[in-house]
Protein backbone atom coordinates (compact mmCIF):
# COMPACT_ATOMS: atom_id res chain seq x y z
CA MET A 1 22.20 9.40 6.07
CA THR A 2 21.58 9.52 9.79
CA GLY A 3 20.99 6.33 11.74
CA ILE A 4 17.31 7.10 12.39
CA SER A 5 16.64 7.83 8.70
CA HIS A 6 18.27 4.56 7.68
CA PHE A 7 16.24 2.61 10.26
CA THR A 8 13.05 4.40 9.19
CA LYS A 9 13.68 3.39 5.57
CA GLN A 10 14.26 -0.22 6.63
CA ILE A 11 10.91 -0.38 8.47
CA ALA A 12 8.94 1.18 5.60
CA ARG A 13 10.72 -0.94 2.98
CA ALA A 14 10.04 -4.13 4.92
CA PHE A 15 6.37 -3.21 5.22
CA TYR A 16 5.88 -2.51 1.51
CA ASP A 17 7.92 -5.56 0.48
CA SER A 18 5.75 -7.68 2.77
CA TYR A 19 2.81 -7.23 0.39
CA ASN A 20 4.54 -9.71 -1.90
CA HIS A 21 4.32 -12.35 0.88
CA LYS A 22 0.50 -12.05 0.77
CA ASP A 23 -0.07 -12.16 4.55
CA LEU A 24 -1.50 -8.77 5.47
CA ASP A 25 -2.40 -9.83 9.00
CA ALA A 26 1.25 -10.63 9.74
CA SER A 27 2.46 -7.52 7.91
CA PHE A 28 0.21 -5.16 9.82
CA GLU A 29 1.02 -6.85 13.12
CA ALA A 30 4.75 -6.49 12.48
CA TYR A 31 4.88 -2.96 11.01
CA ILE A 32 1.72 -0.93 11.69
CA SER A 33 0.84 0.59 15.06
CA LYS A 34 -2.53 -0.32 16.52
CA ASP A 35 -2.93 3.45 17.05
CA LEU A 36 -2.14 4.35 13.43
CA VAL A 37 -3.27 7.75 12.21
CA ASN A 38 -4.11 7.20 8.54
CA HIS A 39 -4.66 10.37 6.53
CA VAL A 40 -5.75 8.49 3.39
CA MET A 41 -9.35 9.03 2.24
CA ASP A 42 -9.83 11.78 4.81
CA GLY A 43 -8.77 9.47 7.63
CA THR A 44 -11.75 7.16 7.29
CA TYR A 45 -9.59 4.04 7.58
CA GLY A 46 -7.79 3.14 10.77
CA ARG A 47 -5.29 0.30 10.90
CA ASP A 48 -7.86 -2.50 10.56
CA GLY A 49 -9.88 -0.69 7.89
CA TRP A 50 -6.75 -0.15 5.80
CA ARG A 51 -5.75 -3.80 6.12
CA ASP A 52 -9.27 -5.02 5.33
CA PHE A 53 -9.52 -2.78 2.26
CA ASP A 54 -6.18 -4.04 0.96
CA LYS A 55 -7.36 -7.62 1.49
CA THR A 56 -10.02 -6.92 -1.14
CA LEU A 57 -7.15 -6.23 -3.56
CA PHE A 58 -5.62 -9.62 -2.82
CA ALA A 59 -8.98 -11.30 -3.39
CA ALA A 60 -9.43 -9.57 -6.76
CA PHE A 61 -5.84 -9.84 -8.03
CA GLU A 62 -4.31 -13.30 -7.59
CA ASP A 63 -0.97 -12.04 -8.92
CA LEU A 64 -0.97 -8.77 -6.96
CA SER A 65 2.53 -7.39 -6.54
CA LEU A 66 4.12 -4.28 -5.09
CA THR A 67 7.39 -2.84 -6.39
CA VAL A 68 9.22 -0.15 -4.44
CA LEU A 69 10.71 2.33 -6.92
CA ASP A 70 12.31 4.94 -4.64
CA GLN A 71 12.64 5.90 -1.00
CA ILE A 72 13.81 9.08 0.68
CA ALA A 73 14.00 9.48 4.46
CA GLU A 74 14.54 12.36 6.79
CA GLY A 75 14.41 11.81 10.52
CA ASN A 76 11.49 9.55 11.38
CA LYS A 77 9.60 10.07 8.09
CA VAL A 78 10.11 8.16 4.86
CA ALA A 79 8.61 8.72 1.41
CA THR A 80 8.14 5.59 -0.69
CA ARG A 81 7.21 5.66 -4.38
CA TYR A 82 5.83 2.34 -5.63
CA THR A 83 3.52 0.50 -8.00
CA LEU A 84 0.85 -1.96 -6.86
CA GLY A 85 -1.36 -4.08 -9.06
CA GLY A 86 -1.77 -7.08 -11.28
CA THR A 87 -4.38 -8.84 -13.39
CA GLN A 88 -7.95 -8.62 -12.12
CA THR A 89 -9.38 -12.11 -11.54
CA GLY A 90 -12.20 -11.25 -9.10
CA GLU A 91 -14.67 -8.46 -8.47
CA PHE A 92 -13.18 -5.25 -7.12
CA ALA A 93 -15.03 -2.06 -6.17
CA GLY A 94 -18.11 -3.32 -7.98
CA ILE A 95 -16.17 -3.99 -11.19
CA ALA A 96 -16.45 -7.50 -12.59
CA PRO A 97 -13.19 -9.07 -13.75
CA ARG A 98 -12.36 -8.61 -17.43
CA GLY A 99 -8.81 -9.90 -17.24
CA ASN A 100 -7.40 -6.37 -17.34
CA THR A 101 -4.03 -5.60 -15.85
CA ALA A 102 -4.01 -2.46 -13.74
CA PHE A 103 -1.46 -0.71 -11.56
CA ILE A 104 -1.65 2.07 -9.02
CA HIS A 105 1.36 4.37 -9.00
CA ALA A 106 1.59 5.88 -5.53
CA THR A 107 3.75 7.82 -3.15
CA SER A 108 3.32 7.24 0.58
CA VAL A 109 4.86 9.08 3.50
CA ASP A 110 5.11 7.15 6.74
CA ARG A 111 6.14 8.34 10.19
CA VAL A 112 7.91 5.69 12.24
CA GLU A 113 8.17 5.56 16.04
CA GLY A 114 10.16 2.73 17.57
CA ASP A 115 9.80 -0.01 14.98
CA LEU A 116 6.22 0.73 13.86
CA ILE A 117 4.55 3.00 11.32
CA VAL A 118 2.36 5.33 13.38
CA GLU A 119 1.19 7.79 10.73
CA HIS A 120 0.51 7.31 7.01
CA TRP A 121 -0.25 9.55 4.01
CA THR A 122 -0.67 8.39 0.39
CA ASP A 123 -1.05 10.21 -2.91
CA LEU A 124 -2.43 8.03 -5.73
CA ASP A 125 -4.78 8.06 -8.71
CA PHE A 126 -7.45 5.58 -7.61
CA THR A 127 -9.88 6.79 -10.29
CA GLY A 128 -7.28 6.01 -12.96
CA PHE A 129 -6.83 2.54 -11.47
CA LEU A 130 -10.58 1.88 -11.67
CA GLN A 131 -10.62 3.15 -15.26
CA GLN A 132 -7.90 0.63 -16.16
CA LEU A 133 -10.11 -2.13 -14.75
CA SER A 134 -13.20 -0.88 -16.59
CA ALA A 135 -11.51 -0.48 -19.98
CA ASP A 136 -12.55 -2.72 -22.83
CA PRO A 137 -9.85 -5.41 -22.96
CA ASN A 138 -10.02 -5.60 -26.77
């Protein structure tokens, strides 16, 4: 692995692992460029919108956790496959808590410049996640 690929993996890994510290403001300040280009949801979320949306996850899932499953890097891009979720304890996306456990399985590709993520893509099944929350818990 080249030096830049190794460094790129370290930055992305540290960012995703930081979700388990539950301080998104510090995480985004440390790892996400203020000029982030976010291709998720047709690019409707910049850096602050992404952070604020993810804060709604923390509010709705007291035990929210993120587990990195795999990473592959080439040059200044890294692909990270992970799971994110927990037990719903608060309202999320208009869905009242039923005590359901739900996880998003996702793959993100991040482009790193310097020591910051400057571009972000994610592929995930958000509809499936919402269906897990809406399911009858019995």
